[in-house]
Amino acid sequence: MGITAEEVLAEIGPVQEVLDAHDGVVTVHDTSGGVIMLSLDGGCNGCSSTPMTAMQIFYSLKKLDSVSDVIFINGELPEYMRTFIDQKMEKEALEGSSEEPGEII
């Protein structure tokens, strides 16, 4: 069974609290087949912190078994950040990391 838009928004809850304070909005466009398509809107448009916010969301969602990919339709997550997170997650899997989901170190 796939993930719903409501579940996506619930998973990014801590990030959403920060976005709320800055009028940022996460819009979930699609969740078909475990591929989450979303955008960062509102106060995120033009904000210099948007790539870091996208990176945190990507990391949190990719930890879920039901999520195979996360696509930011407005390009909020640069490819080098996506690669960094993918490599970090591979390393964590090999090491059996005990880090809590959602932490980027």
PDB file of N, CA and C in Angstrom:
ATOM      1  N   MET A   1       0.840  -1.188   0.000  1.00  0.00           N
ATOM      2  CA  MET A   1       0.000   0.000   0.000  1.00  0.00           C
ATOM      3  C   MET A   1       0.877   1.241   0.000  1.00  0.00           C
ATOM      4  N   GLY A   2       0.475   2.252  -0.738  1.00  0.00           N
ATOM      5  CA  GLY A   2       1.255   3.475  -0.864  1.00  0.00           C
ATOM      6  C   GLY A   2       1.049   4.429   0.297  1.00  0.00           C
ATOM      7  N   ILE A   3       1.616   5.566   0.155  1.00  0.00           N
ATOM      8  CA  ILE A   3       1.532   6.603   1.175  1.00  0.00           C
ATOM      9  C   ILE A   3       0.583   7.697   0.678  1.00  0.00           C
ATOM     10  N   THR A   4      -0.156   8.271   1.573  1.00  0.00           N
ATOM     11  CA  THR A   4      -1.099   9.327   1.206  1.00  0.00           C
ATOM     12  C   THR A   4      -0.468  10.695   1.404  1.00  0.00           C
ATOM     13  N   ALA A   5      -1.071  11.706   0.811  1.00  0.00           N
ATOM     14  CA  ALA A   5      -0.598  13.081   0.984  1.00  0.00           C
ATOM     15  C   ALA A   5      -0.631  13.469   2.460  1.00  0.00           C
ATOM     16  N   GLU A   6      -1.647  13.027   3.173  1.00  0.00           N
ATOM     17  CA  GLU A   6      -1.765  13.334   4.602  1.00  0.00           C
ATOM     18  C   GLU A   6      -0.615  12.716   5.394  1.00  0.00           C
ATOM     19  N   GLU A   7      -0.227  11.485   5.019  1.00  0.00           N
ATOM     20  CA  GLU A   7       0.887  10.827   5.691  1.00  0.00           C
ATOM     21  C   GLU A   7       2.207  11.536   5.385  1.00  0.00           C
ATOM     22  N   VAL A   8       2.362  12.009   4.161  1.00  0.00           N
ATOM     23  CA  VAL A   8       3.565  12.766   3.799  1.00  0.00           C
ATOM     24  C   VAL A   8       3.653  14.013   4.667  1.00  0.00           C
ATOM     25  N   LEU A   9       2.566  14.752   4.754  1.00  0.00           N
ATOM     26  CA  LEU A   9       2.562  15.984   5.543  1.00  0.00           C
ATOM     27  C   LEU A   9       2.796  15.698   7.025  1.00  0.00           C
ATOM     28  N   ALA A  10       2.252  14.602   7.525  1.00  0.00           N
ATOM     29  CA  ALA A  10       2.476  14.236   8.926  1.00  0.00           C
ATOM     30  C   ALA A  10       3.945  13.896   9.173  1.00  0.00           C
ATOM     31  N   GLU A  11       4.578  13.234   8.212  1.00  0.00           N
ATOM     32  CA  GLU A  11       5.984  12.832   8.363  1.00  0.00           C
ATOM     33  C   GLU A  11       6.915  14.040   8.406  1.00  0.00           C
ATOM     34  N   ILE A  12       6.556  15.088   7.708  1.00  0.00           N
ATOM     35  CA  ILE A  12       7.425  16.280   7.685  1.00  0.00           C
ATOM     36  C   ILE A  12       6.984  17.303   8.720  1.00  0.00           C
ATOM     37  N   GLY A  13       6.198  16.872   9.679  1.00  0.00           N
ATOM     38  CA  GLY A  13       5.652  17.744  10.713  1.00  0.00           C
ATOM     39  C   GLY A  13       6.634  18.737  11.324  1.00  0.00           C
ATOM     40  N   PRO A  14       7.804  18.279  11.819  1.00  0.00           N
ATOM     41  CA  PRO A  14       8.752  19.235  12.418  1.00  0.00           C
ATOM     42  C   PRO A  14       9.218  20.317  11.442  1.00  0.00           C
ATOM     43  N   VAL A  15       9.388  19.961  10.177  1.00  0.00           N
ATOM     44  CA  VAL A  15       9.777  20.943   9.168  1.00  0.00           C
ATOM     45  C   VAL A  15       8.621  21.904   8.906  1.00  0.00           C
ATOM     46  N   GLN A  16       7.409  21.361   8.900  1.00  0.00           N
ATOM     47  CA  GLN A  16       6.237  22.197   8.645  1.00  0.00           C
ATOM     48  C   GLN A  16       6.079  23.276   9.713  1.00  0.00           C
ATOM     49  N   GLU A  17       6.438  22.969  10.951  1.00  0.00           N
ATOM     50  CA  GLU A  17       6.358  23.967  12.023  1.00  0.00           C
ATOM     51  C   GLU A  17       7.235  25.178  11.703  1.00  0.00           C
ATOM     52  N   VAL A  18       8.419  24.935  11.182  1.00  0.00           N
ATOM     53  CA  VAL A  18       9.313  26.030  10.798  1.00  0.00           C
ATOM     54  C   VAL A  18       8.744  26.772   9.601  1.00  0.00           C
ATOM     55  N   LEU A  19       8.244  26.022   8.619  1.00  0.00           N
ATOM     56  CA  LEU A  19       7.655  26.646   7.437  1.00  0.00           C
ATOM     57  C   LEU A  19       6.470  27.537   7.821  1.00  0.00           C
ATOM     58  N   ASP A  20       5.655  27.072   8.754  1.00  0.00           N
ATOM     59  CA  ASP A  20       4.499  27.863   9.191  1.00  0.00           C
ATOM     60  C   ASP A  20       4.926  29.230   9.716  1.00  0.00           C
ATOM     61  N   ALA A  21       6.047  29.263  10.415  1.00  0.00           N
ATOM     62  CA  ALA A  21       6.534  30.517  10.977  1.00  0.00           C
ATOM     63  C   ALA A  21       7.012  31.489   9.902  1.00  0.00           C
ATOM     64  N   HIS A  22       7.278  30.964   8.704  1.00  0.00           N
ATOM     65  CA  HIS A  22       7.788  31.784   7.602  1.00  0.00           C
ATOM     66  C   HIS A  22       6.856  31.797   6.401  1.00  0.00           C
ATOM     67  N   ASP A  23       5.611  31.412   6.618  1.00  0.00           N
ATOM     68  CA  ASP A  23       4.599  31.357   5.559  1.00  0.00           C
ATOM     69  C   ASP A  23       4.964  30.406   4.429  1.00  0.00           C
ATOM     70  N   GLY A  24       5.749  29.392   4.729  1.00  0.00           N
ATOM     71  CA  GLY A  24       6.091  28.376   3.743  1.00  0.00           C
ATOM     72  C   GLY A  24       5.031  27.291   3.701  1.00  0.00           C
ATOM     73  N   VAL A  25       4.874  26.682   2.543  1.00  0.00           N
ATOM     74  CA  VAL A  25       3.847  25.656   2.347  1.00  0.00           C
ATOM     75  C   VAL A  25       4.435  24.491   1.570  1.00  0.00           C
ATOM     76  N   VAL A  26       4.175  23.271   2.030  1.00  0.00           N
ATOM     77  CA  VAL A  26       4.515  22.077   1.276  1.00  0.00           C
ATOM     78  C   VAL A  26       3.244  21.646   0.556  1.00  0.00           C
ATOM     79  N   THR A  27       3.329  21.539  -0.761  1.00  0.00           N
ATOM     80  CA  THR A  27       2.205  21.088  -1.559  1.00  0.00           C
ATOM     81  C   THR A  27       2.532  19.712  -2.115  1.00  0.00           C
ATOM     82  N   VAL A  28       1.734  18.714  -1.740  1.00  0.00           N
ATOM     83  CA  VAL A  28       1.919  17.354  -2.247  1.00  0.00           C
ATOM     84  C   VAL A  28       1.085  17.219  -3.515  1.00  0.00           C
ATOM     85  N   HIS A  29       1.758  16.963  -4.629  1.00  0.00           N
ATOM     86  CA  HIS A  29       1.081  16.869  -5.920  1.00  0.00           C
ATOM     87  C   HIS A  29       0.692  15.440  -6.283  1.00  0.00           C
ATOM     88  N   ASP A  30       1.519  14.464  -5.873  1.00  0.00           N
ATOM     89  CA  ASP A  30       1.235  13.081  -6.228  1.00  0.00           C
ATOM     90  C   ASP A  30       2.016  12.151  -5.306  1.00  0.00           C
ATOM     91  N   THR A  31       1.465  10.981  -5.052  1.00  0.00           N
ATOM     92  CA  THR A  31       2.148   9.971  -4.245  1.00  0.00           C
ATOM     93  C   THR A  31       2.104   8.596  -4.907  1.00  0.00           C
ATOM     94  N   SER A  32       1.770   8.544  -6.169  1.00  0.00           N
ATOM     95  CA  SER A  32       1.589   7.268  -6.877  1.00  0.00           C
ATOM     96  C   SER A  32       2.867   6.450  -6.900  1.00  0.00           C
ATOM     97  N   GLY A  33       2.707   5.160  -6.656  1.00  0.00           N
ATOM     98  CA  GLY A  33       3.817   4.218  -6.776  1.00  0.00           C
ATOM     99  C   GLY A  33       4.980   4.497  -5.851  1.00  0.00           C
ATOM    100  N   GLY A  34       4.742   5.174  -4.763  1.00  0.00           N
ATOM    101  CA  GLY A  34       5.817   5.472  -3.823  1.00  0.00           C
ATOM    102  C   GLY A  34       6.713   6.622  -4.240  1.00  0.00           C
ATOM    103  N   VAL A  35       6.379   7.284  -5.336  1.00  0.00           N
ATOM    104  CA  VAL A  35       7.136   8.453  -5.786  1.00  0.00           C
ATOM    105  C   VAL A  35       6.360   9.689  -5.339  1.00  0.00           C
ATOM    106  N   ILE A  36       6.958  10.427  -4.430  1.00  0.00           N
ATOM    107  CA  ILE A  36       6.321  11.619  -3.876  1.00  0.00           C
ATOM    108  C   ILE A  36       6.723  12.817  -4.725  1.00  0.00           C
ATOM    109  N   MET A  37       5.725  13.497  -5.268  1.00  0.00           N
ATOM    110  CA  MET A  37       5.985  14.719  -6.029  1.00  0.00           C
ATOM    111  C   MET A  37       5.414  15.879  -5.226  1.00  0.00           C
ATOM    112  N   LEU A  38       6.284  16.819  -4.879  1.00  0.00           N
ATOM    113  CA  LEU A  38       5.834  17.946  -4.081  1.00  0.00           C
ATOM    114  C   LEU A  38       6.571  19.209  -4.455  1.00  0.00           C
ATOM    115  N   SER A  39       6.093  20.314  -3.914  1.00  0.00           N
ATOM    116  CA  SER A  39       6.756  21.596  -4.131  1.00  0.00           C
ATOM    117  C   SER A  39       6.714  22.384  -2.840  1.00  0.00           C
ATOM    118  N   LEU A  40       7.649  23.310  -2.723  1.00  0.00           N
ATOM    119  CA  LEU A  40       7.694  24.236  -1.595  1.00  0.00           C
ATOM    120  C   LEU A  40       7.203  25.580  -2.110  1.00  0.00           C
ATOM    121  N   ASP A  41       6.131  26.050  -1.522  1.00  0.00           N
ATOM    122  CA  ASP A  41       5.476  27.245  -2.029  1.00  0.00           C
ATOM    123  C   ASP A  41       5.364  28.308  -0.939  1.00  0.00           C
ATOM    124  N   GLY A  42       4.643  29.372  -1.253  1.00  0.00           N
ATOM    125  CA  GLY A  42       4.448  30.464  -0.301  1.00  0.00           C
ATOM    126  C   GLY A  42       5.756  31.161  -0.003  1.00  0.00           C
ATOM    127  N   GLY A  43       6.077  31.282   1.272  1.00  0.00           N
ATOM    128  CA  GLY A  43       7.293  31.961   1.699  1.00  0.00           C
ATOM    129  C   GLY A  43       8.572  31.277   1.252  1.00  0.00           C
ATOM    130  N   CYS A  44       8.473  30.045   0.762  1.00  0.00           N
ATOM    131  CA  CYS A  44       9.660  29.327   0.274  1.00  0.00           C
ATOM    132  C   CYS A  44      10.155  29.891  -1.059  1.00  0.00           C
ATOM    133  N   ASN A  45       9.260  30.485  -1.821  1.00  0.00           N
ATOM    134  CA  ASN A  45       9.645  31.041  -3.119  1.00  0.00           C
ATOM    135  C   ASN A  45      10.675  32.152  -2.928  1.00  0.00           C
ATOM    136  N   GLY A  46      11.864  31.910  -3.449  1.00  0.00           N
ATOM    137  CA  GLY A  46      12.931  32.898  -3.366  1.00  0.00           C
ATOM    138  C   GLY A  46      13.722  32.872  -2.076  1.00  0.00           C
ATOM    139  N   CYS A  47      13.369  32.002  -1.141  1.00  0.00           N
ATOM    140  CA  CYS A  47      14.081  31.935   0.143  1.00  0.00           C
ATOM    141  C   CYS A  47      15.397  31.179  -0.032  1.00  0.00           C
ATOM    142  N   SER A  48      16.457  31.694   0.533  1.00  0.00           N
ATOM    143  CA  SER A  48      17.766  31.049   0.404  1.00  0.00           C
ATOM    144  C   SER A  48      17.862  29.744   1.199  1.00  0.00           C
ATOM    145  N   SER A  49      16.952  29.513   2.117  1.00  0.00           N
ATOM    146  CA  SER A  49      16.963  28.276   2.910  1.00  0.00           C
ATOM    147  C   SER A  49      16.174  27.138   2.272  1.00  0.00           C
ATOM    148  N   THR A  50      15.512  27.404   1.166  1.00  0.00           N
ATOM    149  CA  THR A  50      14.671  26.388   0.535  1.00  0.00           C
ATOM    150  C   THR A  50      15.433  25.104   0.202  1.00  0.00           C
ATOM    151  N   PRO A  51      16.649  25.140  -0.350  1.00  0.00           N
ATOM    152  CA  PRO A  51      17.351  23.872  -0.624  1.00  0.00           C
ATOM    153  C   PRO A  51      17.615  23.057   0.650  1.00  0.00           C
ATOM    154  N   MET A  52      17.924  23.707   1.749  1.00  0.00           N
ATOM    155  CA  MET A  52      18.151  22.978   3.002  1.00  0.00           C
ATOM    156  C   MET A  52      16.854  22.385   3.532  1.00  0.00           C
ATOM    157  N   THR A  53      15.766  23.116   3.385  1.00  0.00           N
ATOM    158  CA  THR A  53      14.457  22.597   3.782  1.00  0.00           C
ATOM    159  C   THR A  53      14.103  21.386   2.937  1.00  0.00           C
ATOM    160  N   ALA A  54      14.329  21.488   1.642  1.00  0.00           N
ATOM    161  CA  ALA A  54      14.053  20.373   0.730  1.00  0.00           C
ATOM    162  C   ALA A  54      14.912  19.168   1.090  1.00  0.00           C
ATOM    163  N   MET A  55      16.162  19.402   1.455  1.00  0.00           N
ATOM    164  CA  MET A  55      17.056  18.315   1.813  1.00  0.00           C
ATOM    165  C   MET A  55      16.536  17.595   3.063  1.00  0.00           C
ATOM    166  N   GLN A  56      16.068  18.328   4.039  1.00  0.00           N
ATOM    167  CA  GLN A  56      15.536  17.717   5.256  1.00  0.00           C
ATOM    168  C   GLN A  56      14.280  16.900   4.953  1.00  0.00           C
ATOM    169  N   ILE A  57      13.406  17.434   4.123  1.00  0.00           N
ATOM    170  CA  ILE A  57      12.187  16.715   3.736  1.00  0.00           C
ATOM    171  C   ILE A  57      12.541  15.442   2.959  1.00  0.00           C
ATOM    172  N   PHE A  58      13.454  15.553   2.004  1.00  0.00           N
ATOM    173  CA  PHE A  58      13.900  14.409   1.206  1.00  0.00           C
ATOM    174  C   PHE A  58      14.418  13.303   2.115  1.00  0.00           C
ATOM    175  N   TYR A  59      15.274  13.663   3.052  1.00  0.00           N
ATOM    176  CA  TYR A  59      15.874  12.697   3.975  1.00  0.00           C
ATOM    177  C   TYR A  59      14.805  12.016   4.825  1.00  0.00           C
ATOM    178  N   SER A  60      13.893  12.779   5.363  1.00  0.00           N
ATOM    179  CA  SER A  60      12.833  12.221   6.207  1.00  0.00           C
ATOM    180  C   SER A  60      11.948  11.256   5.437  1.00  0.00           C
ATOM    181  N   LEU A  61      11.558  11.642   4.241  1.00  0.00           N
ATOM    182  CA  LEU A  61      10.640  10.813   3.464  1.00  0.00           C
ATOM    183  C   LEU A  61      11.314   9.569   2.899  1.00  0.00           C
ATOM    184  N   LYS A  62      12.581   9.677   2.495  1.00  0.00           N
ATOM    185  CA  LYS A  62      13.287   8.526   1.927  1.00  0.00           C
ATOM    186  C   LYS A  62      13.520   7.431   2.967  1.00  0.00           C
ATOM    187  N   LYS A  63      13.413   7.742   4.227  1.00  0.00           N
ATOM    188  CA  LYS A  63      13.572   6.744   5.283  1.00  0.00           C
ATOM    189  C   LYS A  63      12.350   5.831   5.388  1.00  0.00           C
ATOM    190  N   LEU A  64      11.245   6.229   4.777  1.00  0.00           N
ATOM    191  CA  LEU A  64      10.021   5.438   4.839  1.00  0.00           C
ATOM    192  C   LEU A  64      10.065   4.301   3.818  1.00  0.00           C
ATOM    193  N   ASP A  65       9.683   3.121   4.232  1.00  0.00           N
ATOM    194  CA  ASP A  65       9.696   1.953   3.331  1.00  0.00           C
ATOM    195  C   ASP A  65       8.784   2.143   2.125  1.00  0.00           C
ATOM    196  N   SER A  66       7.693   2.865   2.303  1.00  0.00           N
ATOM    197  CA  SER A  66       6.721   3.020   1.217  1.00  0.00           C
ATOM    198  C   SER A  66       7.109   4.096   0.209  1.00  0.00           C
ATOM    199  N   VAL A  67       8.248   4.787   0.434  1.00  0.00           N
ATOM    200  CA  VAL A  67       8.674   5.865  -0.462  1.00  0.00           C
ATOM    201  C   VAL A  67       9.906   5.417  -1.242  1.00  0.00           C
ATOM    202  N   SER A  68       9.781   5.424  -2.573  1.00  0.00           N
ATOM    203  CA  SER A  68      10.923   5.040  -3.407  1.00  0.00           C
ATOM    204  C   SER A  68      11.690   6.256  -3.919  1.00  0.00           C
ATOM    205  N   ASP A  69      11.014   7.392  -4.051  1.00  0.00           N
ATOM    206  CA  ASP A  69      11.693   8.601  -4.517  1.00  0.00           C
ATOM    207  C   ASP A  69      10.893   9.829  -4.108  1.00  0.00           C
ATOM    208  N   VAL A  70      11.589  10.942  -4.031  1.00  0.00           N
ATOM    209  CA  VAL A  70      10.963  12.227  -3.709  1.00  0.00           C
ATOM    210  C   VAL A  70      11.417  13.220  -4.764  1.00  0.00           C
ATOM    211  N   ILE A  71      10.465  13.783  -5.471  1.00  0.00           N
ATOM    212  CA  ILE A  71      10.752  14.720  -6.551  1.00  0.00           C
ATOM    213  C   ILE A  71      10.173  16.081  -6.185  1.00  0.00           C
ATOM    214  N   PHE A  72      11.011  17.094  -6.201  1.00  0.00           N
ATOM    215  CA  PHE A  72      10.566  18.476  -5.988  1.00  0.00           C
ATOM    216  C   PHE A  72      10.334  19.077  -7.373  1.00  0.00           C
ATOM    217  N   ILE A  73       9.093  19.316  -7.705  1.00  0.00           N
ATOM    218  CA  ILE A  73       8.763  19.682  -9.083  1.00  0.00           C
ATOM    219  C   ILE A  73       9.269  21.056  -9.491  1.00  0.00           C
ATOM    220  N   ASN A  74       9.599  21.898  -8.533  1.00  0.00           N
ATOM    221  CA  ASN A  74      10.135  23.221  -8.855  1.00  0.00           C
ATOM    222  C   ASN A  74      11.657  23.259  -8.753  1.00  0.00           C
ATOM    223  N   GLY A  75      12.282  22.094  -8.589  1.00  0.00           N
ATOM    224  CA  GLY A  75      13.737  22.025  -8.537  1.00  0.00           C
ATOM    225  C   GLY A  75      14.346  22.542  -7.247  1.00  0.00           C
ATOM    226  N   GLU A  76      13.605  22.446  -6.149  1.00  0.00           N
ATOM    227  CA  GLU A  76      14.096  22.992  -4.882  1.00  0.00           C
ATOM    228  C   GLU A  76      15.276  22.225  -4.295  1.00  0.00           C
ATOM    229  N   LEU A  77      15.495  20.997  -4.740  1.00  0.00           N
ATOM    230  CA  LEU A  77      16.587  20.185  -4.206  1.00  0.00           C
ATOM    231  C   LEU A  77      17.640  19.972  -5.288  1.00  0.00           C
ATOM    232  N   PRO A  78      18.771  20.684  -5.200  1.00  0.00           N
ATOM    233  CA  PRO A  78      19.836  20.520  -6.195  1.00  0.00           C
ATOM    234  C   PRO A  78      20.361  19.082  -6.215  1.00  0.00           C
ATOM    235  N   GLU A  79      20.801  18.640  -7.370  1.00  0.00           N
ATOM    236  CA  GLU A  79      21.248  17.257  -7.552  1.00  0.00           C
ATOM    237  C   GLU A  79      22.383  16.885  -6.592  1.00  0.00           C
ATOM    238  N   TYR A  80      23.309  17.815  -6.322  1.00  0.00           N
ATOM    239  CA  TYR A  80      24.426  17.469  -5.431  1.00  0.00           C
ATOM    240  C   TYR A  80      23.935  17.211  -4.012  1.00  0.00           C
ATOM    241  N   MET A  81      22.860  17.883  -3.575  1.00  0.00           N
ATOM    242  CA  MET A  81      22.303  17.627  -2.244  1.00  0.00           C
ATOM    243  C   MET A  81      21.592  16.271  -2.219  1.00  0.00           C
ATOM    244  N   ARG A  82      20.901  15.965  -3.283  1.00  0.00           N
ATOM    245  CA  ARG A  82      20.217  14.677  -3.399  1.00  0.00           C
ATOM    246  C   ARG A  82      21.246  13.545  -3.338  1.00  0.00           C
ATOM    247  N   THR A  83      22.341  13.694  -4.056  1.00  0.00           N
ATOM    248  CA  THR A  83      23.409  12.695  -4.055  1.00  0.00           C
ATOM    249  C   THR A  83      24.007  12.552  -2.658  1.00  0.00           C
ATOM    250  N   PHE A  84      24.220  13.667  -1.965  1.00  0.00           N
ATOM    251  CA  PHE A  84      24.758  13.644  -0.606  1.00  0.00           C
ATOM    252  C   PHE A  84      23.866  12.815   0.315  1.00  0.00           C
ATOM    253  N   ILE A  85      22.558  13.057   0.254  1.00  0.00           N
ATOM    254  CA  ILE A  85      21.620  12.329   1.114  1.00  0.00           C
ATOM    255  C   ILE A  85      21.586  10.846   0.745  1.00  0.00           C
ATOM    256  N   ASP A  86      21.554  10.542  -0.542  1.00  0.00           N
ATOM    257  CA  ASP A  86      21.549   9.139  -0.966  1.00  0.00           C
ATOM    258  C   ASP A  86      22.794   8.410  -0.450  1.00  0.00           C
ATOM    259  N   GLN A  87      23.964   9.048  -0.549  1.00  0.00           N
ATOM    260  CA  GLN A  87      25.201   8.442  -0.061  1.00  0.00           C
ATOM    261  C   GLN A  87      25.177   8.283   1.456  1.00  0.00           C
ATOM    262  N   LYS A  88      24.649   9.266   2.151  1.00  0.00           N
ATOM    263  CA  LYS A  88      24.541   9.198   3.609  1.00  0.00           C
ATOM    264  C   LYS A  88      23.656   8.029   4.015  1.00  0.00           C
ATOM    265  N   MET A  89      22.543   7.861   3.324  1.00  0.00           N
ATOM    266  CA  MET A  89      21.623   6.787   3.660  1.00  0.00           C
ATOM    267  C   MET A  89      22.223   5.414   3.363  1.00  0.00           C
ATOM    268  N   GLU A  90      22.998   5.304   2.292  1.00  0.00           N
ATOM    269  CA  GLU A  90      23.690   4.056   1.985  1.00  0.00           C
ATOM    270  C   GLU A  90      24.689   3.718   3.087  1.00  0.00           C
ATOM    271  N   LYS A  91      25.423   4.721   3.535  1.00  0.00           N
ATOM    272  CA  LYS A  91      26.402   4.529   4.609  1.00  0.00           C
ATOM    273  C   LYS A  91      25.695   4.112   5.901  1.00  0.00           C
ATOM    274  N   GLU A  92      24.589   4.758   6.223  1.00  0.00           N
ATOM    275  CA  GLU A  92      23.828   4.409   7.421  1.00  0.00           C
ATOM    276  C   GLU A  92      23.339   2.964   7.351  1.00  0.00           C
ATOM    277  N   ALA A  93      22.876   2.549   6.185  1.00  0.00           N
ATOM    278  CA  ALA A  93      22.378   1.185   6.024  1.00  0.00           C
ATOM    279  C   ALA A  93      23.500   0.168   6.243  1.00  0.00           C
ATOM    280  N   LEU A  94      24.684   0.468   5.746  1.00  0.00           N
ATOM    281  CA  LEU A  94      25.826  -0.433   5.915  1.00  0.00           C
ATOM    282  C   LEU A  94      26.291  -0.499   7.360  1.00  0.00           C
ATOM    283  N   GLU A  95      26.223   0.625   8.045  1.00  0.00           N
ATOM    284  CA  GLU A  95      26.692   0.712   9.425  1.00  0.00           C
ATOM    285  C   GLU A  95      25.622   0.365  10.438  1.00  0.00           C
ATOM    286  N   GLY A  96      24.386   0.219   9.978  1.00  0.00           N
ATOM    287  CA  GLY A  96      23.302  -0.035  10.913  1.00  0.00           C
ATOM    288  C   GLY A  96      23.097   1.144  11.836  1.00  0.00           C
ATOM    289  N   SER A  97      23.115   2.336  11.270  1.00  0.00           N
ATOM    290  CA  SER A  97      23.030   3.578  12.042  1.00  0.00           C
ATOM    291  C   SER A  97      21.835   3.602  12.969  1.00  0.00           C
ATOM    292  N   SER A  98      22.051   4.187  14.151  1.00  0.00           N
ATOM    293  CA  SER A  98      20.977   4.315  15.130  1.00  0.00           C
ATOM    294  C   SER A  98      20.434   5.729  15.181  1.00  0.00           C
ATOM    295  N   GLU A  99      20.807   6.561  14.226  1.00  0.00           N
ATOM    296  CA  GLU A  99      20.306   7.940  14.211  1.00  0.00           C
ATOM    297  C   GLU A  99      18.798   7.949  14.055  1.00  0.00           C
ATOM    298  N   GLU A 100      18.168   8.916  14.651  1.00  0.00           N
ATOM    299  CA  GLU A 100      16.741   9.091  14.502  1.00  0.00           C
ATOM    300  C   GLU A 100      16.463   9.601  13.089  1.00  0.00           C
ATOM    301  N   PRO A 101      15.354   9.151  12.470  1.00  0.00           N
ATOM    302  CA  PRO A 101      14.991   9.665  11.153  1.00  0.00           C
ATOM    303  C   PRO A 101      14.852  11.187  11.167  1.00  0.00           C
ATOM    304  N   GLY A 102      15.287  11.801  10.113  1.00  0.00           N
ATOM    305  CA  GLY A 102      15.114  13.240   9.990  1.00  0.00           C
ATOM    306  C   GLY A 102      16.326  14.055  10.402  1.00  0.00           C
ATOM    307  N   GLU A 103      17.391  13.411  10.911  1.00  0.00           N
ATOM    308  CA  GLU A 103      18.575  14.148  11.316  1.00  0.00           C
ATOM    309  C   GLU A 103      19.607  14.123  10.189  1.00  0.00           C
ATOM    310  N   ILE A 104      20.095  15.288   9.833  1.00  0.00           N
ATOM    311  CA  ILE A 104      21.163  15.366   8.840  1.00  0.00           C
ATOM    312  C   ILE A 104      22.391  15.894   9.554  1.00  0.00           C
ATOM    313  N   ILE A 105      23.433  15.086   9.570  1.00  0.00           N
ATOM    314  CA  ILE A 105      24.662  15.488  10.256  1.00  0.00           C
ATOM    315  C   ILE A 105      25.795  15.476   9.270  1.00  0.00           C
TER     316      ILE A 105
END
